[in-house]
């Protein structure tokens, strides 16, 4: 599967097609919170992170999430990825510990996805 950088919008049907080809019920994504873009379609968050880095993103601005397309909009984002472990940034777990970053990611996902 090709990794897609989402700069504008992506339809949930497109995300569903990606999920169907990979994990069935989820899509992995890496989100650049500074540039407000995301990469989807990788087998690993690290693959998507590499694409964003090649595209000009800064590593400290990229966070890994999972999108569960069958869940309600309030619950479809899971903040869990190995790329999120960053003790130098105060994030010591796979989750995203900073609530403001989680809220920023939610707003980016809301503006980049459409029905």
PDB file of N, CA and C in Angstrom:
ATOM      1  N   UNK A   1       0.841  -1.180   0.000  1.00  0.00           N
ATOM      2  CA  UNK A   1       0.000   0.000   0.000  1.00  0.00           C
ATOM      3  C   UNK A   1       0.883   1.239   0.000  1.00  0.00           C
ATOM      4  N   UNK A   2       0.534   2.167  -0.815  1.00  0.00           N
ATOM      5  CA  UNK A   2       1.262   3.434  -0.900  1.00  0.00           C
ATOM      6  C   UNK A   2       0.846   4.353   0.243  1.00  0.00           C
ATOM      7  N   UNK A   3       1.829   5.027   0.810  1.00  0.00           N
ATOM      8  CA  UNK A   3       1.537   5.998   1.865  1.00  0.00           C
ATOM      9  C   UNK A   3       1.127   7.307   1.207  1.00  0.00           C
ATOM     10  N   UNK A   4       0.024   7.856   1.691  1.00  0.00           N
ATOM     11  CA  UNK A   4      -0.538   9.082   1.144  1.00  0.00           C
ATOM     12  C   UNK A   4      -0.361  10.211   2.157  1.00  0.00           C
ATOM     13  N   UNK A   5       0.156  11.350   1.699  1.00  0.00           N
ATOM     14  CA  UNK A   5       0.235  12.539   2.537  1.00  0.00           C
ATOM     15  C   UNK A   5      -1.032  13.353   2.282  1.00  0.00           C
ATOM     16  N   UNK A   6      -1.772  13.607   3.350  1.00  0.00           N
ATOM     17  CA  UNK A   6      -3.041  14.326   3.248  1.00  0.00           C
ATOM     18  C   UNK A   6      -2.798  15.785   3.604  1.00  0.00           C
ATOM     19  N   UNK A   7      -2.846  16.628   2.576  1.00  0.00           N
ATOM     20  CA  UNK A   7      -2.648  18.063   2.750  1.00  0.00           C
ATOM     21  C   UNK A   7      -3.976  18.818   2.730  1.00  0.00           C
ATOM     22  N   UNK A   8      -4.955  18.231   2.070  1.00  0.00           N
ATOM     23  CA  UNK A   8      -6.273  18.846   1.968  1.00  0.00           C
ATOM     24  C   UNK A   8      -7.259  17.998   2.763  1.00  0.00           C
ATOM     25  N   UNK A   9      -8.066  17.223   2.070  1.00  0.00           N
ATOM     26  CA  UNK A   9      -9.051  16.372   2.743  1.00  0.00           C
ATOM     27  C   UNK A   9      -8.960  14.956   2.199  1.00  0.00           C
ATOM     28  N   UNK A  10      -9.359  14.020   3.044  1.00  0.00           N
ATOM     29  CA  UNK A  10      -9.487  12.627   2.626  1.00  0.00           C
ATOM     30  C   UNK A  10     -10.857  12.138   3.085  1.00  0.00           C
ATOM     31  N   UNK A  11     -11.528  11.411   2.211  1.00  0.00           N
ATOM     32  CA  UNK A  11     -12.855  10.893   2.536  1.00  0.00           C
ATOM     33  C   UNK A  11     -12.728   9.666   3.422  1.00  0.00           C
ATOM     34  N   UNK A  12     -13.711   9.514   4.306  1.00  0.00           N
ATOM     35  CA  UNK A  12     -13.706   8.337   5.168  1.00  0.00           C
ATOM     36  C   UNK A  12     -13.791   7.056   4.343  1.00  0.00           C
ATOM     37  N   UNK A  13     -14.418   7.119   3.177  1.00  0.00           N
ATOM     38  CA  UNK A  13     -14.476   5.945   2.301  1.00  0.00           C
ATOM     39  C   UNK A  13     -13.073   5.557   1.827  1.00  0.00           C
ATOM     40  N   UNK A  14     -12.227   6.540   1.579  1.00  0.00           N
ATOM     41  CA  UNK A  14     -10.838   6.263   1.193  1.00  0.00           C
ATOM     42  C   UNK A  14     -10.077   5.634   2.355  1.00  0.00           C
ATOM     43  N   UNK A  15     -10.311   6.150   3.559  1.00  0.00           N
ATOM     44  CA  UNK A  15      -9.675   5.561   4.739  1.00  0.00           C
ATOM     45  C   UNK A  15     -10.162   4.128   4.945  1.00  0.00           C
ATOM     46  N   UNK A  16     -11.457   3.897   4.713  1.00  0.00           N
ATOM     47  CA  UNK A  16     -12.017   2.549   4.851  1.00  0.00           C
ATOM     48  C   UNK A  16     -11.361   1.599   3.859  1.00  0.00           C
ATOM     49  N   UNK A  17     -11.108   2.054   2.631  1.00  0.00           N
ATOM     50  CA  UNK A  17     -10.441   1.221   1.624  1.00  0.00           C
ATOM     51  C   UNK A  17      -9.024   0.861   2.069  1.00  0.00           C
ATOM     52  N   UNK A  18      -8.339   1.823   2.687  1.00  0.00           N
ATOM     53  CA  UNK A  18      -6.992   1.553   3.214  1.00  0.00           C
ATOM     54  C   UNK A  18      -7.076   0.524   4.333  1.00  0.00           C
ATOM     55  N   UNK A  19      -8.031   0.707   5.235  1.00  0.00           N
ATOM     56  CA  UNK A  19      -8.208  -0.234   6.348  1.00  0.00           C
ATOM     57  C   UNK A  19      -8.493  -1.636   5.824  1.00  0.00           C
ATOM     58  N   UNK A  20      -9.354  -1.742   4.822  1.00  0.00           N
ATOM     59  CA  UNK A  20      -9.729  -3.042   4.270  1.00  0.00           C
ATOM     60  C   UNK A  20      -8.523  -3.769   3.682  1.00  0.00           C
ATOM     61  N   UNK A  21      -7.566  -3.026   3.132  1.00  0.00           N
ATOM     62  CA  UNK A  21      -6.376  -3.637   2.530  1.00  0.00           C
ATOM     63  C   UNK A  21      -5.316  -4.001   3.565  1.00  0.00           C
ATOM     64  N   UNK A  22      -5.448  -3.444   4.777  1.00  0.00           N
ATOM     65  CA  UNK A  22      -4.404  -3.675   5.765  1.00  0.00           C
ATOM     66  C   UNK A  22      -4.911  -4.358   7.020  1.00  0.00           C
ATOM     67  N   UNK A  23      -5.423  -3.589   7.965  1.00  0.00           N
ATOM     68  CA  UNK A  23      -5.737  -4.104   9.288  1.00  0.00           C
ATOM     69  C   UNK A  23      -7.219  -4.392   9.496  1.00  0.00           C
ATOM     70  N   UNK A  24      -8.042  -4.044   8.527  1.00  0.00           N
ATOM     71  CA  UNK A  24      -9.465  -4.333   8.611  1.00  0.00           C
ATOM     72  C   UNK A  24     -10.281  -3.291   9.334  1.00  0.00           C
ATOM     73  N   UNK A  25      -9.919  -2.995  10.573  1.00  0.00           N
ATOM     74  CA  UNK A  25     -10.746  -2.082  11.352  1.00  0.00           C
ATOM     75  C   UNK A  25     -10.059  -0.774  11.715  1.00  0.00           C
ATOM     76  N   UNK A  26      -8.824  -0.578  11.281  1.00  0.00           N
ATOM     77  CA  UNK A  26      -8.132   0.653  11.637  1.00  0.00           C
ATOM     78  C   UNK A  26      -7.163   1.087  10.553  1.00  0.00           C
ATOM     79  N   UNK A  27      -6.838   2.370  10.608  1.00  0.00           N
ATOM     80  CA  UNK A  27      -5.821   2.954   9.736  1.00  0.00           C
ATOM     81  C   UNK A  27      -4.790   3.610  10.646  1.00  0.00           C
ATOM     82  N   UNK A  28      -3.530   3.302  10.404  1.00  0.00           N
ATOM     83  CA  UNK A  28      -2.461   3.982  11.129  1.00  0.00           C
ATOM     84  C   UNK A  28      -2.200   5.313  10.442  1.00  0.00           C
ATOM     85  N   UNK A  29      -1.874   6.324  11.234  1.00  0.00           N
ATOM     86  CA  UNK A  29      -1.585   7.647  10.683  1.00  0.00           C
ATOM     87  C   UNK A  29      -0.490   8.307  11.504  1.00  0.00           C
ATOM     88  N   UNK A  30       0.291   9.146  10.841  1.00  0.00           N
ATOM     89  CA  UNK A  30       1.260  10.007  11.511  1.00  0.00           C
ATOM     90  C   UNK A  30       0.835  11.438  11.202  1.00  0.00           C
ATOM     91  N   UNK A  31       0.768  12.259  12.244  1.00  0.00           N
ATOM     92  CA  UNK A  31       0.255  13.623  12.119  1.00  0.00           C
ATOM     93  C   UNK A  31       1.358  14.611  12.444  1.00  0.00           C
ATOM     94  N   UNK A  32       1.602  15.545  11.524  1.00  0.00           N
ATOM     95  CA  UNK A  32       2.522  16.657  11.777  1.00  0.00           C
ATOM     96  C   UNK A  32       1.677  17.802  12.322  1.00  0.00           C
ATOM     97  N   UNK A  33       1.814  18.062  13.625  1.00  0.00           N
ATOM     98  CA  UNK A  33       0.959  19.065  14.259  1.00  0.00           C
ATOM     99  C   UNK A  33       1.350  20.489  13.901  1.00  0.00           C
ATOM    100  N   UNK A  34       2.573  20.687  13.454  1.00  0.00           N
ATOM    101  CA  UNK A  34       3.002  22.028  13.051  1.00  0.00           C
ATOM    102  C   UNK A  34       2.488  22.373  11.652  1.00  0.00           C
ATOM    103  N   UNK A  35       2.612  21.436  10.723  1.00  0.00           N
ATOM    104  CA  UNK A  35       2.191  21.667   9.341  1.00  0.00           C
ATOM    105  C   UNK A  35       0.729  21.310   9.097  1.00  0.00           C
ATOM    106  N   UNK A  36       0.096  20.677  10.085  1.00  0.00           N
ATOM    107  CA  UNK A  36      -1.317  20.296  10.023  1.00  0.00           C
ATOM    108  C   UNK A  36      -1.607  19.367   8.839  1.00  0.00           C
ATOM    109  N   UNK A  37      -0.723  18.383   8.653  1.00  0.00           N
ATOM    110  CA  UNK A  37      -0.906  17.371   7.619  1.00  0.00           C
ATOM    111  C   UNK A  37      -0.762  15.992   8.268  1.00  0.00           C
ATOM    112  N   UNK A  38      -1.145  14.960   7.521  1.00  0.00           N
ATOM    113  CA  UNK A  38      -0.960  13.608   8.032  1.00  0.00           C
ATOM    114  C   UNK A  38      -0.591  12.678   6.902  1.00  0.00           C
ATOM    115  N   UNK A  39      -0.012  11.562   7.284  1.00  0.00           N
ATOM    116  CA  UNK A  39       0.310  10.497   6.334  1.00  0.00           C
ATOM    117  C   UNK A  39      -0.458   9.256   6.770  1.00  0.00           C
ATOM    118  N   UNK A  40      -1.040   8.554   5.809  1.00  0.00           N
ATOM    119  CA  UNK A  40      -1.808   7.341   6.081  1.00  0.00           C
ATOM    120  C   UNK A  40      -1.402   6.261   5.091  1.00  0.00           C
ATOM    121  N   UNK A  41      -1.662   5.008   5.462  1.00  0.00           N
ATOM    122  CA  UNK A  41      -1.435   3.909   4.535  1.00  0.00           C
ATOM    123  C   UNK A  41      -0.193   3.091   4.818  1.00  0.00           C
ATOM    124  N   UNK A  42       0.542   3.432   5.850  1.00  0.00           N
ATOM    125  CA  UNK A  42       1.736   2.667   6.177  1.00  0.00           C
ATOM    126  C   UNK A  42       1.413   1.465   7.047  1.00  0.00           C
ATOM    127  N   UNK A  43       2.271   0.478   6.965  1.00  0.00           N
ATOM    128  CA  UNK A  43       2.131  -0.685   7.832  1.00  0.00           C
ATOM    129  C   UNK A  43       2.538  -0.335   9.264  1.00  0.00           C
ATOM    130  N   UNK A  44       3.503   0.583   9.370  1.00  0.00           N
ATOM    131  CA  UNK A  44       3.985   1.057  10.662  1.00  0.00           C
ATOM    132  C   UNK A  44       3.895   2.573  10.714  1.00  0.00           C
ATOM    133  N   UNK A  45       3.679   3.114  11.904  1.00  0.00           N
ATOM    134  CA  UNK A  45       3.700   4.570  12.059  1.00  0.00           C
ATOM    135  C   UNK A  45       5.059   5.121  11.632  1.00  0.00           C
ATOM    136  N   UNK A  46       6.114   4.361  11.874  1.00  0.00           N
ATOM    137  CA  UNK A  46       7.463   4.798  11.509  1.00  0.00           C
ATOM    138  C   UNK A  46       7.601   4.974   9.994  1.00  0.00           C
ATOM    139  N   UNK A  47       6.893   4.170   9.209  1.00  0.00           N
ATOM    140  CA  UNK A  47       6.928   4.322   7.745  1.00  0.00           C
ATOM    141  C   UNK A  47       6.315   5.661   7.345  1.00  0.00           C
ATOM    142  N   UNK A  48       5.197   5.985   7.955  1.00  0.00           N
ATOM    143  CA  UNK A  48       4.528   7.263   7.661  1.00  0.00           C
ATOM    144  C   UNK A  48       5.363   8.437   8.172  1.00  0.00           C
ATOM    145  N   UNK A  49       5.961   8.263   9.331  1.00  0.00           N
ATOM    146  CA  UNK A  49       6.837   9.292   9.878  1.00  0.00           C
ATOM    147  C   UNK A  49       7.991   9.572   8.905  1.00  0.00           C
ATOM    148  N   UNK A  50       8.576   8.514   8.338  1.00  0.00           N
ATOM    149  CA  UNK A  50       9.682   8.677   7.386  1.00  0.00           C
ATOM    150  C   UNK A  50       9.249   9.465   6.156  1.00  0.00           C
ATOM    151  N   UNK A  51       8.039   9.212   5.673  1.00  0.00           N
ATOM    152  CA  UNK A  51       7.520   9.952   4.515  1.00  0.00           C
ATOM    153  C   UNK A  51       7.364  11.432   4.861  1.00  0.00           C
ATOM    154  N   UNK A  52       6.827  11.716   6.049  1.00  0.00           N
ATOM    155  CA  UNK A  52       6.666  13.114   6.452  1.00  0.00           C
ATOM    156  C   UNK A  52       8.014  13.799   6.653  1.00  0.00           C
ATOM    157  N   UNK A  53       8.983  13.086   7.216  1.00  0.00           N
ATOM    158  CA  UNK A  53      10.324  13.665   7.380  1.00  0.00           C
ATOM    159  C   UNK A  53      10.933  13.998   6.018  1.00  0.00           C
ATOM    160  N   UNK A  54      10.783  13.095   5.073  1.00  0.00           N
ATOM    161  CA  UNK A  54      11.285  13.331   3.711  1.00  0.00           C
ATOM    162  C   UNK A  54      10.574  14.522   3.059  1.00  0.00           C
ATOM    163  N   UNK A  55       9.346  14.760   3.469  1.00  0.00           N
ATOM    164  CA  UNK A  55       8.530  15.850   2.926  1.00  0.00           C
ATOM    165  C   UNK A  55       8.828  17.198   3.607  1.00  0.00           C
ATOM    166  N   UNK A  56       9.682  17.181   4.632  1.00  0.00           N
ATOM    167  CA  UNK A  56      10.064  18.438   5.267  1.00  0.00           C
ATOM    168  C   UNK A  56       9.583  18.626   6.697  1.00  0.00           C
ATOM    169  N   UNK A  57       8.903  17.635   7.246  1.00  0.00           N
ATOM    170  CA  UNK A  57       8.438  17.736   8.631  1.00  0.00           C
ATOM    171  C   UNK A  57       9.601  17.575   9.599  1.00  0.00           C
ATOM    172  N   UNK A  58       9.399  18.070  10.824  1.00  0.00           N
ATOM    173  CA  UNK A  58      10.374  17.906  11.904  1.00  0.00           C
ATOM    174  C   UNK A  58       9.894  16.763  12.793  1.00  0.00           C
ATOM    175  N   UNK A  59      10.806  15.890  13.168  1.00  0.00           N
ATOM    176  CA  UNK A  59      10.442  14.700  13.931  1.00  0.00           C
ATOM    177  C   UNK A  59       9.680  15.038  15.203  1.00  0.00           C
ATOM    178  N   UNK A  60      10.071  16.090  15.899  1.00  0.00           N
ATOM    179  CA  UNK A  60       9.421  16.415  17.172  1.00  0.00           C
ATOM    180  C   UNK A  60       7.985  16.895  17.001  1.00  0.00           C
ATOM    181  N   UNK A  61       7.571  17.138  15.759  1.00  0.00           N
ATOM    182  CA  UNK A  61       6.200  17.589  15.476  1.00  0.00           C
ATOM    183  C   UNK A  61       5.294  16.460  14.988  1.00  0.00           C
ATOM    184  N   UNK A  62       5.827  15.252  14.842  1.00  0.00           N
ATOM    185  CA  UNK A  62       5.065  14.131  14.282  1.00  0.00           C
ATOM    186  C   UNK A  62       4.643  13.178  15.396  1.00  0.00           C
ATOM    187  N   UNK A  63       3.350  12.840  15.402  1.00  0.00           N
ATOM    188  CA  UNK A  63       2.788  11.946  16.406  1.00  0.00           C
ATOM    189  C   UNK A  63       2.004  10.832  15.716  1.00  0.00           C
ATOM    190  N   UNK A  64       2.065   9.632  16.279  1.00  0.00           N
ATOM    191  CA  UNK A  64       1.372   8.482  15.706  1.00  0.00           C
ATOM    192  C   UNK A  64       0.027   8.240  16.361  1.00  0.00           C
ATOM    193  N   UNK A  65      -0.959   7.937  15.521  1.00  0.00           N
ATOM    194  CA  UNK A  65      -2.312   7.634  15.997  1.00  0.00           C
ATOM    195  C   UNK A  65      -2.888   6.474  15.186  1.00  0.00           C
ATOM    196  N   UNK A  66      -3.992   5.931  15.673  1.00  0.00           N
ATOM    197  CA  UNK A  66      -4.782   4.955  14.933  1.00  0.00           C
ATOM    198  C   UNK A  66      -6.180   5.525  14.783  1.00  0.00           C
ATOM    199  N   UNK A  67      -6.765   5.309  13.617  1.00  0.00           N
ATOM    200  CA  UNK A  67      -8.138   5.741  13.351  1.00  0.00           C
ATOM    201  C   UNK A  67      -9.016   4.498  13.212  1.00  0.00           C
ATOM    202  N   UNK A  68      -9.969   4.349  14.123  1.00  0.00           N
ATOM    203  CA  UNK A  68     -10.910   3.240  14.096  1.00  0.00           C
ATOM    204  C   UNK A  68     -12.189   3.748  13.440  1.00  0.00           C
ATOM    205  N   UNK A  69     -12.374   3.395  12.189  1.00  0.00           N
ATOM    206  CA  UNK A  69     -13.438   3.970  11.363  1.00  0.00           C
ATOM    207  C   UNK A  69     -14.839   3.551  11.784  1.00  0.00           C
ATOM    208  N   UNK A  70     -14.969   2.455  12.493  1.00  0.00           N
ATOM    209  CA  UNK A  70     -16.288   1.970  12.908  1.00  0.00           C
ATOM    210  C   UNK A  70     -16.757   2.609  14.214  1.00  0.00           C
ATOM    211  N   UNK A  71     -15.886   3.314  14.896  1.00  0.00           N
ATOM    212  CA  UNK A  71     -16.245   3.936  16.173  1.00  0.00           C
ATOM    213  C   UNK A  71     -16.906   5.290  15.953  1.00  0.00           C
ATOM    214  N   UNK A  72     -17.524   5.784  17.003  1.00  0.00           N
ATOM    215  CA  UNK A  72     -18.162   7.099  16.933  1.00  0.00           C
ATOM    216  C   UNK A  72     -17.087   8.178  16.781  1.00  0.00           C
ATOM    217  N   UNK A  73     -17.439   9.337  16.219  1.00  0.00           N
ATOM    218  CA  UNK A  73     -16.450  10.408  16.039  1.00  0.00           C
ATOM    219  C   UNK A  73     -15.735  10.805  17.327  1.00  0.00           C
ATOM    220  N   UNK A  74     -16.382  10.671  18.454  1.00  0.00           N
ATOM    221  CA  UNK A  74     -15.757  11.041  19.727  1.00  0.00           C
ATOM    222  C   UNK A  74     -14.718  10.014  20.183  1.00  0.00           C
ATOM    223  N   UNK A  75     -14.767   8.799  19.600  1.00  0.00           N
ATOM    224  CA  UNK A  75     -13.897   7.718  20.071  1.00  0.00           C
ATOM    225  C   UNK A  75     -13.033   7.100  18.986  1.00  0.00           C
ATOM    226  N   UNK A  76     -12.994   7.664  17.796  1.00  0.00           N
ATOM    227  CA  UNK A  76     -12.335   6.968  16.703  1.00  0.00           C
ATOM    228  C   UNK A  76     -10.823   7.181  16.651  1.00  0.00           C
ATOM    229  N   UNK A  77     -10.292   8.138  17.410  1.00  0.00           N
ATOM    230  CA  UNK A  77      -8.854   8.385  17.416  1.00  0.00           C
ATOM    231  C   UNK A  77      -8.230   7.723  18.645  1.00  0.00           C
ATOM    232  N   UNK A  78      -7.229   6.878  18.401  1.00  0.00           N
ATOM    233  CA  UNK A  78      -6.467   6.258  19.479  1.00  0.00           C
ATOM    234  C   UNK A  78      -5.050   6.823  19.427  1.00  0.00           C
ATOM    235  N   UNK A  79      -4.593   7.364  20.527  1.00  0.00           N
ATOM    236  CA  UNK A  79      -3.276   8.002  20.604  1.00  0.00           C
ATOM    237  C   UNK A  79      -2.247   6.994  21.104  1.00  0.00           C
ATOM    238  N   UNK A  80      -1.878   6.054  20.245  1.00  0.00           N
ATOM    239  CA  UNK A  80      -0.983   4.969  20.656  1.00  0.00           C
ATOM    240  C   UNK A  80      -0.019   4.626  19.530  1.00  0.00           C
ATOM    241  N   UNK A  81       1.274   4.827  19.779  1.00  0.00           N
ATOM    242  CA  UNK A  81       2.279   4.488  18.783  1.00  0.00           C
ATOM    243  C   UNK A  81       3.662   4.473  19.416  1.00  0.00           C
ATOM    244  N   UNK A  82       4.502   3.605  18.914  1.00  0.00           N
ATOM    245  CA  UNK A  82       5.893   3.564  19.372  1.00  0.00           C
ATOM    246  C   UNK A  82       6.613   4.879  19.073  1.00  0.00           C
ATOM    247  N   UNK A  83       6.242   5.566  17.990  1.00  0.00           N
ATOM    248  CA  UNK A  83       6.953   6.817  17.656  1.00  0.00           C
ATOM    249  C   UNK A  83       6.643   7.928  18.653  1.00  0.00           C
ATOM    250  N   UNK A  84       5.652   7.710  19.518  1.00  0.00           N
ATOM    251  CA  UNK A  84       5.292   8.730  20.510  1.00  0.00           C
ATOM    252  C   UNK A  84       6.183   8.694  21.755  1.00  0.00           C
ATOM    253  N   UNK A  85       6.983   7.660  21.908  1.00  0.00           N
ATOM    254  CA  UNK A  85       7.864   7.572  23.075  1.00  0.00           C
ATOM    255  C   UNK A  85       9.008   8.561  22.874  1.00  0.00           C
ATOM    256  N   UNK A  86       8.961   9.654  23.636  1.00  0.00           N
ATOM    257  CA  UNK A  86       9.946  10.727  23.509  1.00  0.00           C
ATOM    258  C   UNK A  86      10.265  11.321  24.874  1.00  0.00           C
ATOM    259  N   UNK A  87      11.090  10.674  25.637  1.00  0.00           N
ATOM    260  CA  UNK A  87      11.430  11.224  26.953  1.00  0.00           C
ATOM    261  C   UNK A  87      11.996  12.642  26.873  1.00  0.00           C
ATOM    262  N   UNK A  88      12.713  12.963  25.813  1.00  0.00           N
ATOM    263  CA  UNK A  88      13.291  14.316  25.684  1.00  0.00           C
ATOM    264  C   UNK A  88      12.218  15.387  25.532  1.00  0.00           C
ATOM    265  N   UNK A  89      11.011  14.983  25.123  1.00  0.00           N
ATOM    266  CA  UNK A  89       9.889  15.914  24.996  1.00  0.00           C
ATOM    267  C   UNK A  89       8.886  15.717  26.131  1.00  0.00           C
ATOM    268  N   UNK A  90       9.258  14.938  27.122  1.00  0.00           N
ATOM    269  CA  UNK A  90       8.378  14.715  28.261  1.00  0.00           C
ATOM    270  C   UNK A  90       7.293  13.679  28.025  1.00  0.00           C
ATOM    271  N   UNK A  91       7.376  12.929  26.925  1.00  0.00           N
ATOM    272  CA  UNK A  91       6.376  11.902  26.621  1.00  0.00           C
ATOM    273  C   UNK A  91       7.055  10.541  26.780  1.00  0.00           C
ATOM    274  N   UNK A  92       6.759   9.865  27.878  1.00  0.00           N
ATOM    275  CA  UNK A  92       7.461   8.629  28.214  1.00  0.00           C
ATOM    276  C   UNK A  92       6.680   7.366  27.880  1.00  0.00           C
ATOM    277  N   UNK A  93       5.557   7.516  27.206  1.00  0.00           N
ATOM    278  CA  UNK A  93       4.745   6.339  26.880  1.00  0.00           C
ATOM    279  C   UNK A  93       4.374   6.348  25.399  1.00  0.00           C
ATOM    280  N   UNK A  94       3.718   5.256  24.989  1.00  0.00           N
ATOM    281  CA  UNK A  94       3.239   5.161  23.606  1.00  0.00           C
ATOM    282  C   UNK A  94       2.054   6.085  23.359  1.00  0.00           C
ATOM    283  N   UNK A  95       1.395   6.484  24.418  1.00  0.00           N
ATOM    284  CA  UNK A  95       0.282   7.420  24.310  1.00  0.00           C
ATOM    285  C   UNK A  95       0.810   8.842  24.185  1.00  0.00           C
ATOM    286  N   UNK A  96      -0.097   9.771  23.926  1.00  0.00           N
ATOM    287  CA  UNK A  96       0.282  11.184  23.880  1.00  0.00           C
ATOM    288  C   UNK A  96      -0.210  11.793  25.187  1.00  0.00           C
ATOM    289  N   UNK A  97       0.740  12.105  26.057  1.00  0.00           N
ATOM    290  CA  UNK A  97       0.402  12.515  27.419  1.00  0.00           C
ATOM    291  C   UNK A  97      -0.086  13.955  27.522  1.00  0.00           C
ATOM    292  N   UNK A  98       0.304  14.802  26.602  1.00  0.00           N
ATOM    293  CA  UNK A  98      -0.062  16.220  26.642  1.00  0.00           C
ATOM    294  C   UNK A  98      -1.459  16.410  26.033  1.00  0.00           C
ATOM    295  N   UNK A  99      -2.397  16.821  26.870  1.00  0.00           N
ATOM    296  CA  UNK A  99      -3.789  17.012  26.419  1.00  0.00           C
ATOM    297  C   UNK A  99      -3.885  18.025  25.288  1.00  0.00           C
ATOM    298  N   UNK A 100      -3.058  19.073  25.308  1.00  0.00           N
ATOM    299  CA  UNK A 100      -3.139  20.090  24.248  1.00  0.00           C
ATOM    300  C   UNK A 100      -2.720  19.510  22.894  1.00  0.00           C
ATOM    301  N   UNK A 101      -1.770  18.580  22.885  1.00  0.00           N
ATOM    302  CA  UNK A 101      -1.373  17.934  21.627  1.00  0.00           C
ATOM    303  C   UNK A 101      -2.488  17.014  21.152  1.00  0.00           C
ATOM    304  N   UNK A 102      -3.110  16.283  22.071  1.00  0.00           N
ATOM    305  CA  UNK A 102      -4.236  15.425  21.677  1.00  0.00           C
ATOM    306  C   UNK A 102      -5.361  16.256  21.072  1.00  0.00           C
ATOM    307  N   UNK A 103      -5.676  17.388  21.686  1.00  0.00           N
ATOM    308  CA  UNK A 103      -6.734  18.257  21.159  1.00  0.00           C
ATOM    309  C   UNK A 103      -6.355  18.830  19.794  1.00  0.00           C
ATOM    310  N   UNK A 104      -5.102  19.190  19.617  1.00  0.00           N
ATOM    311  CA  UNK A 104      -4.636  19.692  18.325  1.00  0.00           C
ATOM    312  C   UNK A 104      -4.775  18.615  17.252  1.00  0.00           C
ATOM    313  N   UNK A 105      -4.397  17.405  17.575  1.00  0.00           N
ATOM    314  CA  UNK A 105      -4.532  16.292  16.622  1.00  0.00           C
ATOM    315  C   UNK A 105      -6.002  16.071  16.274  1.00  0.00           C
ATOM    316  N   UNK A 106      -6.887  16.114  17.261  1.00  0.00           N
ATOM    317  CA  UNK A 106      -8.314  15.965  16.987  1.00  0.00           C
ATOM    318  C   UNK A 106      -8.797  17.017  15.998  1.00  0.00           C
ATOM    319  N   UNK A 107      -8.347  18.249  16.166  1.00  0.00           N
ATOM    320  CA  UNK A 107      -8.789  19.313  15.263  1.00  0.00           C
ATOM    321  C   UNK A 107      -8.222  19.115  13.856  1.00  0.00           C
ATOM    322  N   UNK A 108      -6.992  18.632  13.755  1.00  0.00           N
ATOM    323  CA  UNK A 108      -6.386  18.374  12.438  1.00  0.00           C
ATOM    324  C   UNK A 108      -7.138  17.247  11.736  1.00  0.00           C
ATOM    325  N   UNK A 109      -7.432  16.185  12.458  1.00  0.00           N
ATOM    326  CA  UNK A 109      -8.177  15.062  11.867  1.00  0.00           C
ATOM    327  C   UNK A 109      -9.564  15.531  11.429  1.00  0.00           C
ATOM    328  N   UNK A 110     -10.212  16.350  12.222  1.00  0.00           N
ATOM    329  CA  UNK A 110     -11.543  16.860  11.863  1.00  0.00           C
ATOM    330  C   UNK A 110     -11.490  17.705  10.597  1.00  0.00           C
ATOM    331  N   UNK A 111     -10.441  18.512  10.436  1.00  0.00           N
ATOM    332  CA  UNK A 111     -10.375  19.368   9.245  1.00  0.00           C
ATOM    333  C   UNK A 111      -9.884  18.621   8.011  1.00  0.00           C
ATOM    334  N   UNK A 112      -9.199  17.501   8.176  1.00  0.00           N
ATOM    335  CA  UNK A 112      -8.652  16.765   7.032  1.00  0.00           C
ATOM    336  C   UNK A 112      -9.517  15.602   6.579  1.00  0.00           C
ATOM    337  N   UNK A 113     -10.541  15.215   7.353  1.00  0.00           N
ATOM    338  CA  UNK A 113     -11.399  14.105   6.953  1.00  0.00           C
ATOM    339  C   UNK A 113     -12.806  14.607   6.639  1.00  0.00           C
ATOM    340  N   UNK A 114     -13.433  13.922   5.719  1.00  0.00           N
ATOM    341  CA  UNK A 114     -14.793  14.270   5.319  1.00  0.00           C
ATOM    342  C   UNK A 114     -15.567  12.979   5.033  1.00  0.00           C
ATOM    343  N   UNK A 115     -16.869  13.068   5.105  1.00  0.00           N
ATOM    344  CA  UNK A 115     -17.728  11.888   4.857  1.00  0.00           C
ATOM    345  C   UNK A 115     -17.699  11.452   3.423  1.00  0.00           C
TER     346      UNK A 115
END
